[in-house]
Amino acid sequence: MNISTGLAVAGVIVIARSIKLITKFQAASDIPARFIERSVSLRGKVHSIAEKGLEVEHVPIYLPVISPLLSKHKGVSTSPLLVNLAGVELTPEGREWLHKNLAPAQTVWLKLISREDDILNCLVSQSRGSMWGSCINEEVLRLGLARTAPVAGVHPDTRLYWRLHKRLHRAEVKAEKKGRGLWKEDSLWERASKAVRDNMIFRMMRRFFKRTESD
């Protein structure tokens, strides 16, 4: 019985090790290519907000008994993954929004899209209890806090590229139609005031040139 149990545990360990179920990834290069190709989702905790996205600490699947046996990084300082919001170009207001809405250690899900050097391009979702929350890529676009951008690391001729582009573009169009964020139009009063200011500047310039001509 003990031998059978031992063999079973050993078999599970081999399987777990081979498919990277419980590996803690500390760099983009650690992640198997097949994970990227299949757009696997990884769980993580927000470490900090970077200039173009997030720094996220990967939280691997935990298997009782087995995980402690295979843990290679226990007691060792961990390095966060550099995560870029795929297909999104953040505005300064967008980065500020991330600071306000993603607290350190908050759980997020990273849907792997592509990898470029040490950066992962992902669809990032907030975790709300046992359910996934909204997709942050779409949220910042819906609020007018970002623009759509080419999906880095994905060939434009692929189905994945156009599926993502269509999804993100739809969110951007909503912001544009509602005049949110960078799509916000000046009010009638603001436009009138600007026209008056421009007109005053034009008159001042005309007076200046007339004086120089008379001199």
Protein backbone atom coordinates (compact mmCIF):
# COMPACT_ATOMS: atom_id res chain seq x y z
CA MET A 1 0.00 0.00 0.00
CA ASN A 2 2.78 2.38 0.96
CA ILE A 3 4.70 1.48 -2.20
CA SER A 4 1.61 2.08 -4.33
CA THR A 5 0.99 5.42 -2.67
CA GLY A 6 4.62 6.39 -3.13
CA LEU A 7 4.53 5.48 -6.80
CA ALA A 8 1.31 7.43 -7.27
CA VAL A 9 2.77 10.53 -5.63
CA ALA A 10 5.96 10.17 -7.68
CA GLY A 11 3.89 9.91 -10.85
CA VAL A 12 1.94 13.05 -10.00
CA ILE A 13 5.20 14.89 -9.25
CA VAL A 14 6.62 13.92 -12.64
CA ILE A 15 3.45 15.02 -14.42
CA ALA A 16 3.24 18.28 -12.47
CA ARG A 17 6.87 19.04 -13.18
CA SER A 18 6.53 18.27 -16.88
CA ILE A 19 3.55 20.56 -17.47
CA LYS A 20 4.77 23.34 -15.20
CA LEU A 21 1.61 23.24 -13.10
CA ILE A 22 3.23 24.51 -9.94
CA THR A 23 6.26 26.37 -11.24
CA LYS A 24 6.61 29.97 -10.09
CA PHE A 25 7.65 32.03 -13.10
CA GLN A 26 9.96 34.92 -12.29
CA ALA A 27 10.75 36.06 -15.82
CA ALA A 28 9.00 35.98 -19.18
CA SER A 29 11.66 33.59 -20.46
CA ASP A 30 10.65 31.02 -17.80
CA ILE A 31 7.23 30.53 -19.37
CA PRO A 32 6.99 27.64 -21.88
CA ALA A 33 6.27 28.64 -25.47
CA ARG A 34 3.19 26.40 -25.52
CA PHE A 35 1.65 28.50 -22.72
CA ILE A 36 1.92 31.57 -24.96
CA GLU A 37 0.63 29.72 -28.03
CA ARG A 38 -2.44 28.48 -26.12
CA SER A 39 -3.09 31.84 -24.39
CA VAL A 40 -2.95 30.19 -20.97
CA SER A 41 -4.14 32.34 -18.05
CA LEU A 42 -1.83 32.78 -15.07
CA ARG A 43 -2.76 34.06 -11.64
CA GLY A 44 -0.68 36.78 -10.05
CA LYS A 45 -0.49 39.56 -7.47
CA VAL A 46 0.12 43.17 -8.38
CA HIS A 47 3.61 44.23 -7.34
CA SER A 48 3.64 47.77 -8.75
CA ILE A 49 2.55 49.94 -11.66
CA ALA A 50 5.23 50.34 -14.33
CA GLU A 51 5.51 53.04 -16.99
CA LYS A 52 3.80 50.96 -19.68
CA GLY A 53 1.90 48.42 -17.61
CA LEU A 54 2.31 46.32 -14.49
CA GLU A 55 4.80 44.35 -12.46
CA VAL A 56 3.08 41.18 -11.31
CA GLU A 57 4.24 38.38 -9.01
CA HIS A 58 3.16 35.03 -10.41
CA VAL A 59 1.12 32.85 -8.04
CA PRO A 60 1.26 29.23 -9.28
CA ILE A 61 -1.32 26.53 -8.68
CA TYR A 62 -0.93 25.06 -5.21
CA LEU A 63 -1.16 21.30 -4.74
CA PRO A 64 -1.15 20.09 -1.11
CA VAL A 65 1.88 17.98 -0.20
CA ILE A 66 3.37 18.22 -3.69
CA SER A 67 3.85 21.99 -3.94
CA PRO A 68 6.09 22.23 -0.86
CA LEU A 69 8.21 19.35 -2.17
CA LEU A 70 8.82 21.04 -5.50
CA SER A 71 9.09 24.61 -4.29
CA LYS A 72 12.40 25.97 -5.51
CA HIS A 73 11.99 29.55 -4.42
CA LYS A 74 10.84 29.22 -0.83
CA GLY A 75 12.63 31.77 1.30
CA VAL A 76 14.22 33.37 -1.76
CA SER A 77 13.35 36.86 -2.99
CA THR A 78 11.13 36.73 -6.05
CA SER A 79 11.20 38.84 -9.19
CA PRO A 80 7.93 40.17 -10.64
CA LEU A 81 6.91 39.63 -14.24
CA LEU A 82 6.84 42.69 -16.50
CA VAL A 83 3.36 42.85 -18.02
CA ASN A 84 2.18 45.11 -20.82
CA LEU A 85 -1.52 45.63 -21.53
CA ALA A 86 -1.81 44.03 -24.97
CA GLY A 87 -3.17 46.25 -27.74
CA VAL A 88 -3.33 49.33 -25.51
CA GLU A 89 -1.42 52.62 -25.38
CA LEU A 90 -2.02 54.21 -21.99
CA THR A 91 -2.36 57.96 -21.48
CA PRO A 92 -0.88 59.58 -18.33
CA GLU A 93 -4.43 59.57 -16.94
CA GLY A 94 -4.60 55.86 -17.69
CA ARG A 95 -1.50 55.16 -15.61
CA GLU A 96 -2.98 57.24 -12.80
CA TRP A 97 -6.17 55.16 -13.02
CA LEU A 98 -4.12 51.97 -12.65
CA HIS A 99 -2.46 53.38 -9.53
CA LYS A 100 -5.87 54.12 -8.00
CA ASN A 101 -7.62 50.89 -8.97
CA LEU A 102 -4.92 48.23 -8.62
CA ALA A 103 -3.67 47.99 -5.08
CA PRO A 104 -0.42 46.17 -4.26
CA ALA A 105 -0.98 42.43 -3.68
CA GLN A 106 -4.33 42.53 -5.49
CA THR A 107 -5.02 39.35 -7.42
CA VAL A 108 -5.15 39.57 -11.22
CA TRP A 109 -5.32 37.08 -14.07
CA LEU A 110 -2.94 37.31 -17.00
CA LYS A 111 -4.15 35.87 -20.30
CA LEU A 112 -0.92 35.36 -22.23
CA ILE A 113 -0.95 36.84 -25.73
CA SER A 114 2.70 37.20 -26.70
CA ARG A 115 6.20 37.62 -25.34
CA GLU A 116 8.85 40.16 -26.35
CA ASP A 117 12.21 39.78 -24.64
CA ASP A 118 11.44 40.18 -20.92
CA ILE A 119 7.93 41.61 -21.39
CA LEU A 120 4.63 39.71 -21.48
CA ASN A 121 1.77 41.15 -23.52
CA CYS A 122 -1.44 40.10 -21.80
CA LEU A 123 -5.13 40.69 -21.33
CA VAL A 124 -5.28 41.54 -17.64
CA SER A 125 -8.40 40.89 -15.55
CA GLN A 126 -9.10 41.86 -11.97
CA SER A 127 -10.09 39.03 -9.66
CA ARG A 128 -13.31 39.47 -7.71
CA GLY A 129 -13.68 36.59 -5.29
CA SER A 130 -13.86 33.33 -7.19
CA MET A 131 -14.92 35.12 -10.37
CA TRP A 132 -12.90 37.08 -12.90
CA GLY A 133 -13.69 40.77 -13.00
CA SER A 134 -13.52 43.16 -15.90
CA CYS A 135 -10.71 43.14 -18.44
CA ILE A 136 -8.46 46.10 -17.64
CA ASN A 137 -7.39 46.46 -21.29
CA GLU A 138 -11.01 47.06 -22.28
CA GLU A 139 -11.82 49.14 -19.20
CA VAL A 140 -9.17 51.81 -19.81
CA LEU A 141 -10.31 52.03 -23.44
CA ARG A 142 -13.98 52.35 -22.44
CA LEU A 143 -13.05 55.20 -20.08
CA GLY A 144 -11.05 57.02 -22.75
CA LEU A 145 -7.83 56.55 -20.78
CA ALA A 146 -5.99 54.76 -23.58
CA ARG A 147 -5.87 54.26 -27.34
CA THR A 148 -5.84 51.01 -29.23
CA ALA A 149 -2.41 50.02 -30.50
CA PRO A 150 -1.01 47.17 -32.62
CA VAL A 151 -0.94 43.91 -30.67
CA ALA A 152 2.81 43.52 -30.21
CA GLY A 153 4.29 40.11 -30.91
CA VAL A 154 1.25 38.85 -32.86
CA HIS A 155 1.28 38.72 -36.67
CA PRO A 156 -1.45 40.96 -38.18
CA ASP A 157 -2.59 38.17 -40.51
CA THR A 158 -3.55 35.82 -37.69
CA ARG A 159 -7.04 35.18 -36.38
CA LEU A 160 -5.88 35.97 -32.84
CA TYR A 161 -4.71 39.44 -33.87
CA TRP A 162 -7.98 40.45 -35.49
CA ARG A 163 -10.09 38.92 -32.75
CA LEU A 164 -8.22 40.99 -30.15
CA HIS A 165 -8.21 44.11 -32.32
CA LYS A 166 -11.97 43.88 -32.86
CA ARG A 167 -12.62 43.38 -29.15
CA LEU A 168 -10.45 46.32 -28.08
CA HIS A 169 -11.63 48.60 -30.89
CA ARG A 170 -15.23 48.04 -29.78
CA ALA A 171 -14.33 49.32 -26.30
CA GLU A 172 -12.55 52.36 -27.76
CA VAL A 173 -15.55 53.24 -29.94
CA LYS A 174 -17.79 53.29 -26.85
CA ALA A 175 -15.54 55.90 -25.23
CA GLU A 176 -15.47 57.96 -28.42
CA LYS A 177 -19.27 57.92 -28.78
CA LYS A 178 -19.75 58.97 -25.15
CA GLY A 179 -17.00 61.58 -25.26
CA ARG A 180 -15.03 60.09 -22.40
CA GLY A 181 -11.45 60.87 -21.43
CA LEU A 182 -9.29 61.79 -24.40
CA TRP A 183 -12.43 61.83 -26.59
CA LYS A 184 -14.12 64.48 -24.46
CA GLU A 185 -15.15 67.51 -26.50
CA ASP A 186 -14.98 71.07 -25.21
CA SER A 187 -18.29 72.53 -24.09
CA LEU A 188 -19.96 75.30 -26.10
CA TRP A 189 -18.70 77.87 -23.55
CA GLU A 190 -15.14 76.53 -23.76
CA ARG A 191 -15.20 76.64 -27.56
CA ALA A 192 -16.58 80.19 -27.55
CA SER A 193 -13.96 81.35 -25.04
CA LYS A 194 -11.20 79.80 -27.12
CA ALA A 195 -12.50 81.51 -30.26
CA VAL A 196 -12.51 84.88 -28.47
CA ARG A 197 -8.97 84.35 -27.19
CA ASP A 198 -7.76 83.35 -30.63
CA ASN A 199 -9.47 86.37 -32.15
CA MET A 200 -7.85 88.69 -29.59
CA ILE A 201 -4.43 87.26 -30.37
CA PHE A 202 -5.07 87.72 -34.08
CA ARG A 203 -6.01 91.39 -33.55
CA MET A 204 -2.92 91.99 -31.42
CA MET A 205 -0.72 90.46 -34.12
CA ARG A 206 -2.30 92.69 -36.78
CA ARG A 207 -1.66 95.78 -34.67
CA PHE A 208 1.94 94.73 -34.10
CA PHE A 209 2.63 94.26 -37.81
CA LYS A 210 0.97 97.58 -38.65
CA ARG A 211 3.23 99.35 -36.18
CA THR A 212 6.35 97.72 -37.58
CA GLU A 213 5.31 98.68 -41.12
CA SER A 214 4.69 102.31 -40.13
CA ASP A 215 8.06 102.49 -38.37
